[in-house]
Amino acid sequence: MSAYDQADFMLEILFPYFEHVLLQPHTLLPRYCGLYVVSEKGREVILSVEANAFSSLCPIHERYDLKGSVVGRVTREADRARDSASPPPPPPPPPPRAGRERFLRPP
């Protein structure tokens, strides 16, 4: 099936699809925003634009990387700290001192 066949199919189902989305606002079908043909230097590309299916006002508590293998991938420490779901734990407190030593300044 070529891109043009797919575009023709999208145009055939456009009106029933639109009515369904209006009548069923909580549908899990993707929300199509447009179907475009971009031409440059004799080459045509058909683009189908959809709304973000995961857009939400709810905060994201955890993120998962589903790209596959982590072999050869490196993440900077600053990026890992920024992207983590919770801040790193605070450092442990210093050990307690005994007797008068607790009133003296550390060397």
PDB file of N, CA and C in Angstrom:
ATOM      1  N   MET A   1       0.861  -1.177   0.000  1.00  0.00           N
ATOM      2  CA  MET A   1       0.000   0.000   0.000  1.00  0.00           C
ATOM      3  C   MET A   1       0.905   1.238   0.000  1.00  0.00           C
ATOM      4  N   SER A   2       0.713   2.106  -0.978  1.00  0.00           N
ATOM      5  CA  SER A   2       1.555   3.295  -1.089  1.00  0.00           C
ATOM      6  C   SER A   2       1.054   4.411  -0.167  1.00  0.00           C
ATOM      7  N   ALA A   3       1.877   5.424  -0.023  1.00  0.00           N
ATOM      8  CA  ALA A   3       1.495   6.573   0.803  1.00  0.00           C
ATOM      9  C   ALA A   3       0.255   7.258   0.232  1.00  0.00           C
ATOM     10  N   TYR A   4       0.138   7.259  -1.100  1.00  0.00           N
ATOM     11  CA  TYR A   4      -1.039   7.883  -1.715  1.00  0.00           C
ATOM     12  C   TYR A   4      -2.306   7.073  -1.429  1.00  0.00           C
ATOM     13  N   ASP A   5      -2.171   5.741  -1.417  1.00  0.00           N
ATOM     14  CA  ASP A   5      -3.333   4.900  -1.069  1.00  0.00           C
ATOM     15  C   ASP A   5      -3.766   5.164   0.368  1.00  0.00           C
ATOM     16  N   GLN A   6      -2.791   5.293   1.259  1.00  0.00           N
ATOM     17  CA  GLN A   6      -3.107   5.578   2.659  1.00  0.00           C
ATOM     18  C   GLN A   6      -3.756   6.951   2.810  1.00  0.00           C
ATOM     19  N   ALA A   7      -3.255   7.942   2.062  1.00  0.00           N
ATOM     20  CA  ALA A   7      -3.844   9.280   2.122  1.00  0.00           C
ATOM     21  C   ALA A   7      -5.277   9.261   1.592  1.00  0.00           C
ATOM     22  N   ASP A   8      -5.515   8.507   0.500  1.00  0.00           N
ATOM     23  CA  ASP A   8      -6.876   8.390  -0.040  1.00  0.00           C
ATOM     24  C   ASP A   8      -7.806   7.741   0.980  1.00  0.00           C
ATOM     25  N   PHE A   9      -7.316   6.702   1.667  1.00  0.00           N
ATOM     26  CA  PHE A   9      -8.121   6.045   2.695  1.00  0.00           C
ATOM     27  C   PHE A   9      -8.455   7.017   3.821  1.00  0.00           C
ATOM     28  N   MET A  10      -7.471   7.803   4.256  1.00  0.00           N
ATOM     29  CA  MET A  10      -7.713   8.791   5.319  1.00  0.00           C
ATOM     30  C   MET A  10      -8.799   9.778   4.901  1.00  0.00           C
ATOM     31  N   LEU A  11      -8.758  10.225   3.656  1.00  0.00           N
ATOM     32  CA  LEU A  11      -9.767  11.168   3.178  1.00  0.00           C
ATOM     33  C   LEU A  11     -11.148  10.512   3.080  1.00  0.00           C
ATOM     34  N   GLU A  12     -11.194   9.208   2.762  1.00  0.00           N
ATOM     35  CA  GLU A  12     -12.480   8.502   2.690  1.00  0.00           C
ATOM     36  C   GLU A  12     -13.148   8.397   4.067  1.00  0.00           C
ATOM     37  N   ILE A  13     -12.366   8.173   5.097  1.00  0.00           N
ATOM     38  CA  ILE A  13     -12.949   7.983   6.433  1.00  0.00           C
ATOM     39  C   ILE A  13     -13.015   9.273   7.240  1.00  0.00           C
ATOM     40  N   LEU A  14     -12.603  10.389   6.653  1.00  0.00           N
ATOM     41  CA  LEU A  14     -12.500  11.649   7.391  1.00  0.00           C
ATOM     42  C   LEU A  14     -13.801  12.055   8.080  1.00  0.00           C
ATOM     43  N   PHE A  15     -14.919  12.089   7.355  1.00  0.00           N
ATOM     44  CA  PHE A  15     -16.163  12.589   7.953  1.00  0.00           C
ATOM     45  C   PHE A  15     -16.731  11.637   9.007  1.00  0.00           C
ATOM     46  N   PRO A  16     -16.790  10.325   8.753  1.00  0.00           N
ATOM     47  CA  PRO A  16     -17.244   9.429   9.838  1.00  0.00           C
ATOM     48  C   PRO A  16     -16.305   9.473  11.054  1.00  0.00           C
ATOM     49  N   TYR A  17     -15.007   9.576  10.798  1.00  0.00           N
ATOM     50  CA  TYR A  17     -14.026   9.671  11.893  1.00  0.00           C
ATOM     51  C   TYR A  17     -14.281  10.935  12.721  1.00  0.00           C
ATOM     52  N   PHE A  18     -14.462  12.053  12.041  1.00  0.00           N
ATOM     53  CA  PHE A  18     -14.691  13.336  12.716  1.00  0.00           C
ATOM     54  C   PHE A  18     -15.955  13.275  13.577  1.00  0.00           C
ATOM     55  N   GLU A  19     -17.031  12.711  13.039  1.00  0.00           N
ATOM     56  CA  GLU A  19     -18.272  12.582  13.812  1.00  0.00           C
ATOM     57  C   GLU A  19     -18.074  11.698  15.035  1.00  0.00           C
ATOM     58  N   HIS A  20     -17.342  10.598  14.857  1.00  0.00           N
ATOM     59  CA  HIS A  20     -17.090   9.699  15.984  1.00  0.00           C
ATOM     60  C   HIS A  20     -16.323  10.414  17.097  1.00  0.00           C
ATOM     61  N   VAL A  21     -15.290  11.157  16.730  1.00  0.00           N
ATOM     62  CA  VAL A  21     -14.479  11.856  17.736  1.00  0.00           C
ATOM     63  C   VAL A  21     -15.304  12.928  18.449  1.00  0.00           C
ATOM     64  N   LEU A  22     -16.201  13.581  17.739  1.00  0.00           N
ATOM     65  CA  LEU A  22     -17.067  14.574  18.383  1.00  0.00           C
ATOM     66  C   LEU A  22     -18.041  13.921  19.358  1.00  0.00           C
ATOM     67  N   LEU A  23     -18.595  12.776  18.974  1.00  0.00           N
ATOM     68  CA  LEU A  23     -19.579  12.105  19.829  1.00  0.00           C
ATOM     69  C   LEU A  23     -18.938  11.315  20.964  1.00  0.00           C
ATOM     70  N   GLN A  24     -17.691  10.912  20.790  1.00  0.00           N
ATOM     71  CA  GLN A  24     -16.976  10.114  21.793  1.00  0.00           C
ATOM     72  C   GLN A  24     -15.689  10.861  22.198  1.00  0.00           C
ATOM     73  N   PRO A  25     -15.780  11.885  23.037  1.00  0.00           N
ATOM     74  CA  PRO A  25     -14.600  12.697  23.353  1.00  0.00           C
ATOM     75  C   PRO A  25     -13.494  11.934  24.077  1.00  0.00           C
ATOM     76  N   HIS A  26     -13.819  10.787  24.697  1.00  0.00           N
ATOM     77  CA  HIS A  26     -12.809  10.011  25.423  1.00  0.00           C
ATOM     78  C   HIS A  26     -12.307   8.819  24.615  1.00  0.00           C
ATOM     79  N   THR A  27     -12.513   8.848  23.297  1.00  0.00           N
ATOM     80  CA  THR A  27     -12.053   7.758  22.451  1.00  0.00           C
ATOM     81  C   THR A  27     -10.533   7.613  22.518  1.00  0.00           C
ATOM     82  N   LEU A  28     -10.065   6.399  22.341  1.00  0.00           N
ATOM     83  CA  LEU A  28      -8.620   6.159  22.339  1.00  0.00           C
ATOM     84  C   LEU A  28      -8.030   6.226  20.935  1.00  0.00           C
ATOM     85  N   LEU A  29      -8.872   6.557  19.952  1.00  0.00           N
ATOM     86  CA  LEU A  29      -8.355   6.742  18.601  1.00  0.00           C
ATOM     87  C   LEU A  29      -7.447   7.974  18.569  1.00  0.00           C
ATOM     88  N   PRO A  30      -6.443   7.974  17.704  1.00  0.00           N
ATOM     89  CA  PRO A  30      -5.581   9.161  17.616  1.00  0.00           C
ATOM     90  C   PRO A  30      -6.362  10.356  17.084  1.00  0.00           C
ATOM     91  N   ARG A  31      -5.952  11.531  17.494  1.00  0.00           N
ATOM     92  CA  ARG A  31      -6.588  12.771  17.033  1.00  0.00           C
ATOM     93  C   ARG A  31      -5.770  13.327  15.869  1.00  0.00           C
ATOM     94  N   TYR A  32      -6.328  13.213  14.662  1.00  0.00           N
ATOM     95  CA  TYR A  32      -5.625  13.702  13.486  1.00  0.00           C
ATOM     96  C   TYR A  32      -5.857  15.194  13.338  1.00  0.00           C
ATOM     97  N   CYS A  33      -4.782  15.916  13.110  1.00  0.00           N
ATOM     98  CA  CYS A  33      -4.861  17.374  12.960  1.00  0.00           C
ATOM     99  C   CYS A  33      -4.769  17.808  11.506  1.00  0.00           C
ATOM    100  N   GLY A  34      -4.151  16.986  10.676  1.00  0.00           N
ATOM    101  CA  GLY A  34      -4.028  17.376   9.281  1.00  0.00           C
ATOM    102  C   GLY A  34      -3.318  16.324   8.448  1.00  0.00           C
ATOM    103  N   LEU A  35      -3.504  16.441   7.148  1.00  0.00           N
ATOM    104  CA  LEU A  35      -2.843  15.579   6.170  1.00  0.00           C
ATOM    105  C   LEU A  35      -2.270  16.514   5.114  1.00  0.00           C
ATOM    106  N   TYR A  36      -0.958  16.492   4.961  1.00  0.00           N
ATOM    107  CA  TYR A  36      -0.281  17.463   4.103  1.00  0.00           C
ATOM    108  C   TYR A  36       0.597  16.763   3.087  1.00  0.00           C
ATOM    109  N   VAL A  37       0.748  17.405   1.926  1.00  0.00           N
ATOM    110  CA  VAL A  37       1.708  16.960   0.918  1.00  0.00           C
ATOM    111  C   VAL A  37       2.736  18.071   0.788  1.00  0.00           C
ATOM    112  N   VAL A  38       3.989  17.723   1.036  1.00  0.00           N
ATOM    113  CA  VAL A  38       5.085  18.688   0.941  1.00  0.00           C
ATOM    114  C   VAL A  38       5.895  18.331  -0.292  1.00  0.00           C
ATOM    115  N   SER A  39       6.098  19.306  -1.190  1.00  0.00           N
ATOM    116  CA  SER A  39       6.865  19.080  -2.418  1.00  0.00           C
ATOM    117  C   SER A  39       8.123  19.929  -2.397  1.00  0.00           C
ATOM    118  N   GLU A  40       9.234  19.281  -2.770  1.00  0.00           N
ATOM    119  CA  GLU A  40      10.490  20.025  -2.892  1.00  0.00           C
ATOM    120  C   GLU A  40      11.351  19.342  -3.939  1.00  0.00           C
ATOM    121  N   LYS A  41      11.769  20.097  -4.952  1.00  0.00           N
ATOM    122  CA  LYS A  41      12.646  19.593  -6.009  1.00  0.00           C
ATOM    123  C   LYS A  41      12.095  18.327  -6.653  1.00  0.00           C
ATOM    124  N   GLY A  42      10.781  18.301  -6.905  1.00  0.00           N
ATOM    125  CA  GLY A  42      10.162  17.177  -7.577  1.00  0.00           C
ATOM    126  C   GLY A  42       9.865  15.980  -6.687  1.00  0.00           C
ATOM    127  N   ARG A  43      10.199  16.061  -5.427  1.00  0.00           N
ATOM    128  CA  ARG A  43       9.941  14.956  -4.490  1.00  0.00           C
ATOM    129  C   ARG A  43       8.762  15.331  -3.603  1.00  0.00           C
ATOM    130  N   GLU A  44       7.815  14.422  -3.461  1.00  0.00           N
ATOM    131  CA  GLU A  44       6.648  14.677  -2.623  1.00  0.00           C
ATOM    132  C   GLU A  44       6.673  13.776  -1.390  1.00  0.00           C
ATOM    133  N   VAL A  45       6.335  14.368  -0.255  1.00  0.00           N
ATOM    134  CA  VAL A  45       6.246  13.638   0.996  1.00  0.00           C
ATOM    135  C   VAL A  45       4.863  13.912   1.586  1.00  0.00           C
ATOM    136  N   ILE A  46       4.178  12.847   2.008  1.00  0.00           N
ATOM    137  CA  ILE A  46       2.868  13.003   2.628  1.00  0.00           C
ATOM    138  C   ILE A  46       3.041  12.908   4.130  1.00  0.00           C
ATOM    139  N   LEU A  47       2.538  13.911   4.851  1.00  0.00           N
ATOM    140  CA  LEU A  47       2.656  13.964   6.301  1.00  0.00           C
ATOM    141  C   LEU A  47       1.273  13.886   6.939  1.00  0.00           C
ATOM    142  N   SER A  48       1.150  13.030   7.914  1.00  0.00           N
ATOM    143  CA  SER A  48      -0.062  12.938   8.721  1.00  0.00           C
ATOM    144  C   SER A  48       0.287  13.483  10.098  1.00  0.00           C
ATOM    145  N   VAL A  49      -0.414  14.510  10.553  1.00  0.00           N
ATOM    146  CA  VAL A  49      -0.115  15.151  11.827  1.00  0.00           C
ATOM    147  C   VAL A  49      -1.170  14.742  12.849  1.00  0.00           C
ATOM    148  N   GLU A  50      -0.692  14.217  13.991  1.00  0.00           N
ATOM    149  CA  GLU A  50      -1.581  13.782  15.060  1.00  0.00           C
ATOM    150  C   GLU A  50      -1.292  14.579  16.318  1.00  0.00           C
ATOM    151  N   ALA A  51      -2.305  14.726  17.157  1.00  0.00           N
ATOM    152  CA  ALA A  51      -2.111  15.362  18.464  1.00  0.00           C
ATOM    153  C   ALA A  51      -1.350  14.390  19.357  1.00  0.00           C
ATOM    154  N   ASN A  52      -0.670  14.920  20.355  1.00  0.00           N
ATOM    155  CA  ASN A  52       0.084  14.102  21.289  1.00  0.00           C
ATOM    156  C   ASN A  52      -0.883  13.261  22.118  1.00  0.00           C
ATOM    157  N   ALA A  53      -0.775  11.943  21.998  1.00  0.00           N
ATOM    158  CA  ALA A  53      -1.675  11.045  22.711  1.00  0.00           C
ATOM    159  C   ALA A  53      -1.416  11.031  24.203  1.00  0.00           C
ATOM    160  N   PHE A  54      -0.229  11.464  24.619  1.00  0.00           N
ATOM    161  CA  PHE A  54       0.136  11.398  26.029  1.00  0.00           C
ATOM    162  C   PHE A  54       0.118  12.764  26.700  1.00  0.00           C
ATOM    163  N   SER A  55      -0.464  13.746  26.051  1.00  0.00           N
ATOM    164  CA  SER A  55      -0.550  15.074  26.632  1.00  0.00           C
ATOM    165  C   SER A  55      -1.505  15.045  27.828  1.00  0.00           C
ATOM    166  N   SER A  56      -1.055  15.609  28.939  1.00  0.00           N
ATOM    167  CA  SER A  56      -1.878  15.572  30.145  1.00  0.00           C
ATOM    168  C   SER A  56      -1.448  16.683  31.090  1.00  0.00           C
ATOM    169  N   LEU A  57      -2.377  17.121  31.919  1.00  0.00           N
ATOM    170  CA  LEU A  57      -2.049  18.103  32.945  1.00  0.00           C
ATOM    171  C   LEU A  57      -1.480  17.434  34.192  1.00  0.00           C
ATOM    172  N   CYS A  58      -1.532  16.109  34.235  1.00  0.00           N
ATOM    173  CA  CYS A  58      -1.018  15.373  35.395  1.00  0.00           C
ATOM    174  C   CYS A  58       0.512  15.346  35.361  1.00  0.00           C
ATOM    175  N   PRO A  59       1.150  15.461  36.522  1.00  0.00           N
ATOM    176  CA  PRO A  59       2.613  15.420  36.534  1.00  0.00           C
ATOM    177  C   PRO A  59       3.126  14.016  36.197  1.00  0.00           C
ATOM    178  N   ILE A  60       4.285  13.970  35.586  1.00  0.00           N
ATOM    179  CA  ILE A  60       4.921  12.704  35.248  1.00  0.00           C
ATOM    180  C   ILE A  60       5.790  12.292  36.427  1.00  0.00           C
ATOM    181  N   HIS A  61       5.529  11.111  36.991  1.00  0.00           N
ATOM    182  CA  HIS A  61       6.272  10.641  38.151  1.00  0.00           C
ATOM    183  C   HIS A  61       7.463   9.774  37.761  1.00  0.00           C
ATOM    184  N   GLU A  62       7.357   9.060  36.661  1.00  0.00           N
ATOM    185  CA  GLU A  62       8.444   8.197  36.218  1.00  0.00           C
ATOM    186  C   GLU A  62       8.540   8.271  34.706  1.00  0.00           C
ATOM    187  N   ARG A  63       9.768   8.163  34.199  1.00  0.00           N
ATOM    188  CA  ARG A  63       9.995   8.135  32.760  1.00  0.00           C
ATOM    189  C   ARG A  63      10.784   6.893  32.434  1.00  0.00           C
ATOM    190  N   TYR A  64      10.463   6.300  31.298  1.00  0.00           N
ATOM    191  CA  TYR A  64      11.158   5.109  30.849  1.00  0.00           C
ATOM    192  C   TYR A  64      11.683   5.345  29.445  1.00  0.00           C
ATOM    193  N   ASP A  65      12.867   4.877  29.181  1.00  0.00           N
ATOM    194  CA  ASP A  65      13.465   4.983  27.864  1.00  0.00           C
ATOM    195  C   ASP A  65      13.201   3.677  27.131  1.00  0.00           C
ATOM    196  N   LEU A  66      12.381   3.706  26.101  1.00  0.00           N
ATOM    197  CA  LEU A  66      11.990   2.492  25.402  1.00  0.00           C
ATOM    198  C   LEU A  66      12.720   2.321  24.074  1.00  0.00           C
ATOM    199  N   LYS A  67      13.843   2.985  23.906  1.00  0.00           N
ATOM    200  CA  LYS A  67      14.538   2.945  22.627  1.00  0.00           C
ATOM    201  C   LYS A  67      15.287   1.642  22.393  1.00  0.00           C
ATOM    202  N   GLY A  68      15.538   0.888  23.429  1.00  0.00           N
ATOM    203  CA  GLY A  68      16.228  -0.383  23.225  1.00  0.00           C
ATOM    204  C   GLY A  68      17.518  -0.454  23.994  1.00  0.00           C
ATOM    205  N   SER A  69      18.534  -0.920  23.342  1.00  0.00           N
ATOM    206  CA  SER A  69      19.814  -1.196  23.987  1.00  0.00           C
ATOM    207  C   SER A  69      20.457   0.068  24.548  1.00  0.00           C
ATOM    208  N   VAL A  70      21.154  -0.106  25.667  1.00  0.00           N
ATOM    209  CA  VAL A  70      21.889   1.010  26.264  1.00  0.00           C
ATOM    210  C   VAL A  70      23.376   0.883  25.970  1.00  0.00           C
ATOM    211  N   VAL A  71      23.754  -0.088  25.155  1.00  0.00           N
ATOM    212  CA  VAL A  71      25.156  -0.292  24.811  1.00  0.00           C
ATOM    213  C   VAL A  71      25.672   0.917  24.045  1.00  0.00           C
ATOM    214  N   GLY A  72      26.748   1.486  24.533  1.00  0.00           N
ATOM    215  CA  GLY A  72      27.357   2.626  23.859  1.00  0.00           C
ATOM    216  C   GLY A  72      26.679   3.957  24.116  1.00  0.00           C
ATOM    217  N   ARG A  73      25.664   3.986  24.959  1.00  0.00           N
ATOM    218  CA  ARG A  73      24.977   5.243  25.262  1.00  0.00           C
ATOM    219  C   ARG A  73      25.483   5.791  26.572  1.00  0.00           C
ATOM    220  N   VAL A  74      25.722   7.086  26.611  1.00  0.00           N
ATOM    221  CA  VAL A  74      26.259   7.741  27.801  1.00  0.00           C
ATOM    222  C   VAL A  74      25.352   8.909  28.151  1.00  0.00           C
ATOM    223  N   THR A  75      25.068   9.065  29.433  1.00  0.00           N
ATOM    224  CA  THR A  75      24.264  10.181  29.920  1.00  0.00           C
ATOM    225  C   THR A  75      25.081  10.951  30.939  1.00  0.00           C
ATOM    226  N   ARG A  76      25.101  12.270  30.777  1.00  0.00           N
ATOM    227  CA  ARG A  76      25.826  13.095  31.748  1.00  0.00           C
ATOM    228  C   ARG A  76      25.137  13.033  33.104  1.00  0.00           C
ATOM    229  N   GLU A  77      25.932  13.159  34.153  1.00  0.00           N
ATOM    230  CA  GLU A  77      25.402  13.108  35.520  1.00  0.00           C
ATOM    231  C   GLU A  77      24.344  14.198  35.729  1.00  0.00           C
ATOM    232  N   ALA A  78      24.581  15.392  35.178  1.00  0.00           N
ATOM    233  CA  ALA A  78      23.624  16.498  35.339  1.00  0.00           C
ATOM    234  C   ALA A  78      22.279  16.147  34.704  1.00  0.00           C
ATOM    235  N   ASP A  79      22.299  15.472  33.535  1.00  0.00           N
ATOM    236  CA  ASP A  79      21.058  15.089  32.869  1.00  0.00           C
ATOM    237  C   ASP A  79      20.325  14.006  33.662  1.00  0.00           C
ATOM    238  N   ARG A  80      21.077  13.044  34.208  1.00  0.00           N
ATOM    239  CA  ARG A  80      20.443  12.000  35.000  1.00  0.00           C
ATOM    240  C   ARG A  80      19.778  12.584  36.237  1.00  0.00           C
ATOM    241  N   ALA A  81      20.442  13.548  36.882  1.00  0.00           N
ATOM    242  CA  ALA A  81      19.863  14.170  38.076  1.00  0.00           C
ATOM    243  C   ALA A  81      18.607  14.955  37.706  1.00  0.00           C
ATOM    244  N   ARG A  82      18.640  15.640  36.569  1.00  0.00           N
ATOM    245  CA  ARG A  82      17.487  16.437  36.135  1.00  0.00           C
ATOM    246  C   ARG A  82      16.298  15.552  35.767  1.00  0.00           C
ATOM    247  N   ASP A  83      16.561  14.417  35.108  1.00  0.00           N
ATOM    248  CA  ASP A  83      15.496  13.569  34.600  1.00  0.00           C
ATOM    249  C   ASP A  83      15.005  12.527  35.593  1.00  0.00           C
ATOM    250  N   SER A  84      15.644  12.429  36.734  1.00  0.00           N
ATOM    251  CA  SER A  84      15.217  11.394  37.674  1.00  0.00           C
ATOM    252  C   SER A  84      13.851  11.756  38.256  1.00  0.00           C
ATOM    253  N   ALA A  85      13.099  10.737  38.640  1.00  0.00           N
ATOM    254  CA  ALA A  85      11.739  10.951  39.148  1.00  0.00           C
ATOM    255  C   ALA A  85      11.741  11.617  40.514  1.00  0.00           C
ATOM    256  N   SER A  86      12.766  11.380  41.301  1.00  0.00           N
ATOM    257  CA  SER A  86      12.843  11.996  42.626  1.00  0.00           C
ATOM    258  C   SER A  86      14.263  12.500  42.842  1.00  0.00           C
ATOM    259  N   PRO A  87      14.432  13.533  43.667  1.00  0.00           N
ATOM    260  CA  PRO A  87      15.767  14.056  43.891  1.00  0.00           C
ATOM    261  C   PRO A  87      16.633  13.039  44.621  1.00  0.00           C
ATOM    262  N   PRO A  88      17.939  13.112  44.439  1.00  0.00           N
ATOM    263  CA  PRO A  88      18.803  12.167  45.138  1.00  0.00           C
ATOM    264  C   PRO A  88      18.709  12.371  46.641  1.00  0.00           C
ATOM    265  N   PRO A  89      18.932  11.322  47.425  1.00  0.00           N
ATOM    266  CA  PRO A  89      18.828  11.471  48.878  1.00  0.00           C
ATOM    267  C   PRO A  89      19.933  12.381  49.405  1.00  0.00           C
ATOM    268  N   PRO A  90      19.685  13.087  50.504  1.00  0.00           N
ATOM    269  CA  PRO A  90      20.713  13.962  51.064  1.00  0.00           C
ATOM    270  C   PRO A  90      21.871  13.129  51.617  1.00  0.00           C
ATOM    271  N   PRO A  91      23.040  13.730  51.720  1.00  0.00           N
ATOM    272  CA  PRO A  91      24.172  12.973  52.257  1.00  0.00           C
ATOM    273  C   PRO A  91      23.914  12.614  53.721  1.00  0.00           C
ATOM    274  N   PRO A  92      24.507  11.521  54.198  1.00  0.00           N
ATOM    275  CA  PRO A  92      24.271  11.139  55.593  1.00  0.00           C
ATOM    276  C   PRO A  92      24.893  12.150  56.544  1.00  0.00           C
ATOM    277  N   PRO A  93      24.307  12.323  57.726  1.00  0.00           N
ATOM    278  CA  PRO A  93      24.872  13.274  58.685  1.00  0.00           C
ATOM    279  C   PRO A  93      26.213  12.746  59.213  1.00  0.00           C
ATOM    280  N   PRO A  94      27.060  13.645  59.679  1.00  0.00           N
ATOM    281  CA  PRO A  94      28.344  13.194  60.226  1.00  0.00           C
ATOM    282  C   PRO A  94      28.107  12.365  61.482  1.00  0.00           C
ATOM    283  N   PRO A  95      29.029  11.479  61.815  1.00  0.00           N
ATOM    284  CA  PRO A  95      28.833  10.652  63.010  1.00  0.00           C
ATOM    285  C   PRO A  95      28.840  11.506  64.274  1.00  0.00           C
ATOM    286  N   PRO A  96      28.066  11.120  65.275  1.00  0.00           N
ATOM    287  CA  PRO A  96      28.042  11.915  66.516  1.00  0.00           C
ATOM    288  C   PRO A  96      29.385  11.854  67.231  1.00  0.00           C
ATOM    289  N   ARG A  97      29.693  12.919  67.954  1.00  0.00           N
ATOM    290  CA  ARG A  97      30.945  12.978  68.717  1.00  0.00           C
ATOM    291  C   ARG A  97      30.651  12.742  70.186  1.00  0.00           C
ATOM    292  N   ALA A  98      31.633  12.258  70.877  1.00  0.00           N
ATOM    293  CA  ALA A  98      31.443  11.945  72.299  1.00  0.00           C
ATOM    294  C   ALA A  98      32.091  13.020  73.173  1.00  0.00           C
ATOM    295  N   GLY A  99      31.525  13.217  74.360  1.00  0.00           N
ATOM    296  CA  GLY A  99      32.114  14.119  75.361  1.00  0.00           C
ATOM    297  C   GLY A  99      32.275  15.530  74.856  1.00  0.00           C
ATOM    298  N   ARG A 100      33.416  16.169  75.285  1.00  0.00           N
ATOM    299  CA  ARG A 100      33.646  17.566  74.908  1.00  0.00           C
ATOM    300  C   ARG A 100      33.950  17.721  73.434  1.00  0.00           C
ATOM    301  N   GLU A 101      34.333  16.653  72.768  1.00  0.00           N
ATOM    302  CA  GLU A 101      34.687  16.762  71.348  1.00  0.00           C
ATOM    303  C   GLU A 101      33.529  17.304  70.519  1.00  0.00           C
ATOM    304  N   ARG A 102      32.311  17.061  70.959  1.00  0.00           N
ATOM    305  CA  ARG A 102      31.189  17.541  70.153  1.00  0.00           C
ATOM    306  C   ARG A 102      31.076  19.052  70.184  1.00  0.00           C
ATOM    307  N   PHE A 103      31.722  19.734  71.160  1.00  0.00           N
ATOM    308  CA  PHE A 103      31.669  21.184  71.215  1.00  0.00           C
ATOM    309  C   PHE A 103      32.859  21.822  70.523  1.00  0.00           C
ATOM    310  N   LEU A 104      33.840  21.026  70.161  1.00  0.00           N
ATOM    311  CA  LEU A 104      35.016  21.548  69.477  1.00  0.00           C
ATOM    312  C   LEU A 104      34.783  21.547  67.972  1.00  0.00           C
ATOM    313  N   ARG A 105      35.440  22.456  67.321  1.00  0.00           N
ATOM    314  CA  ARG A 105      35.328  22.499  65.868  1.00  0.00           C
ATOM    315  C   ARG A 105      36.124  21.351  65.260  1.00  0.00           C
ATOM    316  N   PRO A 106      35.683  20.843  64.134  1.00  0.00           N
ATOM    317  CA  PRO A 106      36.469  19.776  63.492  1.00  0.00           C
ATOM    318  C   PRO A 106      37.815  20.322  63.027  1.00  0.00           C
ATOM    319  N   PRO A 107      38.825  19.476  62.973  1.00  0.00           N
ATOM    320  CA  PRO A 107      40.163  19.954  62.574  1.00  0.00           C
ATOM    321  C   PRO A 107      40.203  20.475  61.159  1.00  0.00           C
TER     322      PRO A 107
END
